[in-house]
Amino acid sequence: MSIANLETKLIEKIRTLPPDKITILEDFIDFLLTRSEDSLLTSSAAQLSESA
């Protein structure tokens, strides 16, 4: 399944959620993004320390 199809399905599902669930979903997405950024920073720092 292509990314475009996945995005479309996800958006369709989000549109069926009540507002309170959308707020929870937004918080969860923010959590995932923060976790991803933290992981990238950690791996970058590890690579820099190995280079030194």
N, C-alpha and C. Protein backbone atom coordinates (compact mmCIF):
# COMPACT_ATOMS: atom_id res chain seq x y z
N MET A 1 0.85 -1.18 0.00
CA MET A 1 0.00 0.00 0.00
C MET A 1 0.89 1.24 0.00
N SER A 2 0.55 2.21 -0.82
CA SER A 2 1.37 3.41 -0.93
C SER A 2 1.15 4.35 0.25
N ILE A 3 2.10 5.24 0.43
CA ILE A 3 2.00 6.24 1.50
C ILE A 3 0.74 7.09 1.31
N ALA A 4 0.45 7.47 0.06
CA ALA A 4 -0.74 8.29 -0.20
C ALA A 4 -2.01 7.57 0.23
N ASN A 5 -2.09 6.27 -0.04
CA ASN A 5 -3.26 5.49 0.38
C ASN A 5 -3.35 5.40 1.89
N LEU A 6 -2.22 5.20 2.54
CA LEU A 6 -2.21 5.14 4.00
C LEU A 6 -2.65 6.46 4.61
N GLU A 7 -2.15 7.56 4.04
CA GLU A 7 -2.53 8.88 4.54
C GLU A 7 -4.02 9.11 4.38
N THR A 8 -4.56 8.73 3.22
CA THR A 8 -5.99 8.91 2.97
C THR A 8 -6.82 8.12 3.95
N LYS A 9 -6.46 6.86 4.17
CA LYS A 9 -7.19 6.03 5.13
C LYS A 9 -7.12 6.60 6.53
N LEU A 10 -5.95 7.07 6.91
CA LEU A 10 -5.77 7.64 8.24
C LEU A 10 -6.61 8.89 8.42
N ILE A 11 -6.60 9.76 7.44
CA ILE A 11 -7.40 10.99 7.51
C ILE A 11 -8.89 10.66 7.59
N GLU A 12 -9.33 9.68 6.82
CA GLU A 12 -10.74 9.27 6.88
C GLU A 12 -11.10 8.79 8.28
N LYS A 13 -10.23 8.02 8.89
CA LYS A 13 -10.49 7.53 10.24
C LYS A 13 -10.51 8.66 11.25
N ILE A 14 -9.57 9.59 11.11
CA ILE A 14 -9.51 10.73 12.03
C ILE A 14 -10.79 11.55 11.95
N ARG A 15 -11.32 11.72 10.76
CA ARG A 15 -12.54 12.52 10.58
C ARG A 15 -13.74 11.90 11.27
N THR A 16 -13.69 10.61 11.57
CA THR A 16 -14.82 9.96 12.24
C THR A 16 -14.74 10.09 13.76
N LEU A 17 -13.59 10.54 14.27
CA LEU A 17 -13.40 10.64 15.71
C LEU A 17 -14.10 11.87 16.29
N PRO A 18 -14.58 11.75 17.52
CA PRO A 18 -15.12 12.93 18.20
C PRO A 18 -13.97 13.86 18.60
N PRO A 19 -14.28 15.13 18.82
CA PRO A 19 -13.22 16.12 19.12
C PRO A 19 -12.30 15.74 20.28
N ASP A 20 -12.84 15.14 21.33
CA ASP A 20 -11.98 14.79 22.47
C ASP A 20 -10.96 13.72 22.09
N LYS A 21 -11.34 12.81 21.21
CA LYS A 21 -10.40 11.78 20.77
C LYS A 21 -9.35 12.35 19.83
N ILE A 22 -9.73 13.35 19.05
CA ILE A 22 -8.77 14.01 18.16
C ILE A 22 -7.70 14.72 18.99
N THR A 23 -8.11 15.31 20.09
CA THR A 23 -7.15 15.97 20.98
C THR A 23 -6.17 14.95 21.55
N ILE A 24 -6.68 13.81 21.96
CA ILE A 24 -5.82 12.74 22.48
C ILE A 24 -4.86 12.26 21.38
N LEU A 25 -5.38 12.10 20.18
CA LEU A 25 -4.55 11.67 19.06
C LEU A 25 -3.45 12.68 18.77
N GLU A 26 -3.79 13.96 18.80
CA GLU A 26 -2.79 14.99 18.57
C GLU A 26 -1.68 14.94 19.61
N ASP A 27 -2.07 14.75 20.87
CA ASP A 27 -1.07 14.62 21.94
C ASP A 27 -0.16 13.41 21.70
N PHE A 28 -0.75 12.31 21.26
CA PHE A 28 0.03 11.10 21.00
C PHE A 28 1.00 11.32 19.84
N ILE A 29 0.54 11.99 18.80
CA ILE A 29 1.41 12.28 17.66
C ILE A 29 2.57 13.17 18.10
N ASP A 30 2.27 14.18 18.92
CA ASP A 30 3.34 15.05 19.44
C ASP A 30 4.35 14.23 20.25
N PHE A 31 3.86 13.29 21.05
CA PHE A 31 4.73 12.41 21.82
C PHE A 31 5.64 11.60 20.89
N LEU A 32 5.06 11.02 19.84
CA LEU A 32 5.85 10.22 18.90
C LEU A 32 6.91 11.07 18.20
N LEU A 33 6.54 12.28 17.82
CA LEU A 33 7.50 13.16 17.16
C LEU A 33 8.64 13.54 18.09
N THR A 34 8.32 13.85 19.33
CA THR A 34 9.34 14.20 20.32
C THR A 34 10.27 13.03 20.55
N ARG A 35 9.70 11.85 20.68
CA ARG A 35 10.50 10.64 20.89
C ARG A 35 11.43 10.40 19.71
N SER A 36 10.92 10.62 18.51
CA SER A 36 11.72 10.44 17.30
C SER A 36 12.87 11.45 17.26
N GLU A 37 12.57 12.70 17.61
CA GLU A 37 13.61 13.74 17.64
C GLU A 37 14.67 13.41 18.69
N ASP A 38 14.23 12.96 19.86
CA ASP A 38 15.16 12.60 20.93
C ASP A 38 16.07 11.46 20.49
N SER A 39 15.50 10.49 19.80
CA SER A 39 16.28 9.35 19.32
C SER A 39 17.32 9.80 18.30
N LEU A 40 16.94 10.71 17.42
CA LEU A 40 17.86 11.23 16.42
C LEU A 40 19.00 11.99 17.09
N LEU A 41 18.68 12.80 18.08
CA LEU A 41 19.72 13.55 18.80
C LEU A 41 20.68 12.61 19.52
N THR A 42 20.15 11.57 20.14
CA THR A 42 20.98 10.61 20.86
C THR A 42 21.92 9.89 19.91
N SER A 43 21.40 9.43 18.77
CA SER A 43 22.26 8.72 17.83
C SER A 43 23.29 9.65 17.20
N SER A 44 22.91 10.90 16.95
CA SER A 44 23.87 11.87 16.41
C SER A 44 24.98 12.16 17.41
N ALA A 45 24.61 12.31 18.67
CA ALA A 45 25.61 12.56 19.71
C ALA A 45 26.56 11.37 19.84
N ALA A 46 26.02 10.17 19.74
CA ALA A 46 26.86 8.97 19.83
C ALA A 46 27.85 8.92 18.67
N GLN A 47 27.38 9.26 17.48
CA GLN A 47 28.27 9.26 16.31
C GLN A 47 29.37 10.31 16.46
N LEU A 48 29.01 11.47 16.98
CA LEU A 48 30.01 12.52 17.18
C LEU A 48 31.06 12.10 18.20
N SER A 49 30.63 11.44 19.26
CA SER A 49 31.59 11.04 20.29
C SER A 49 32.50 9.92 19.78
N GLU A 50 32.01 9.09 18.87
CA GLU A 50 32.85 8.04 18.29
C GLU A 50 33.90 8.65 17.36
N SER A 51 33.55 9.75 16.72
CA SER A 51 34.46 10.41 15.77
C SER A 51 35.59 11.14 16.49
N ALA A 52 35.34 11.54 17.72
CA ALA A 52 36.32 12.35 18.46
C ALA A 52 37.49 11.55 18.94
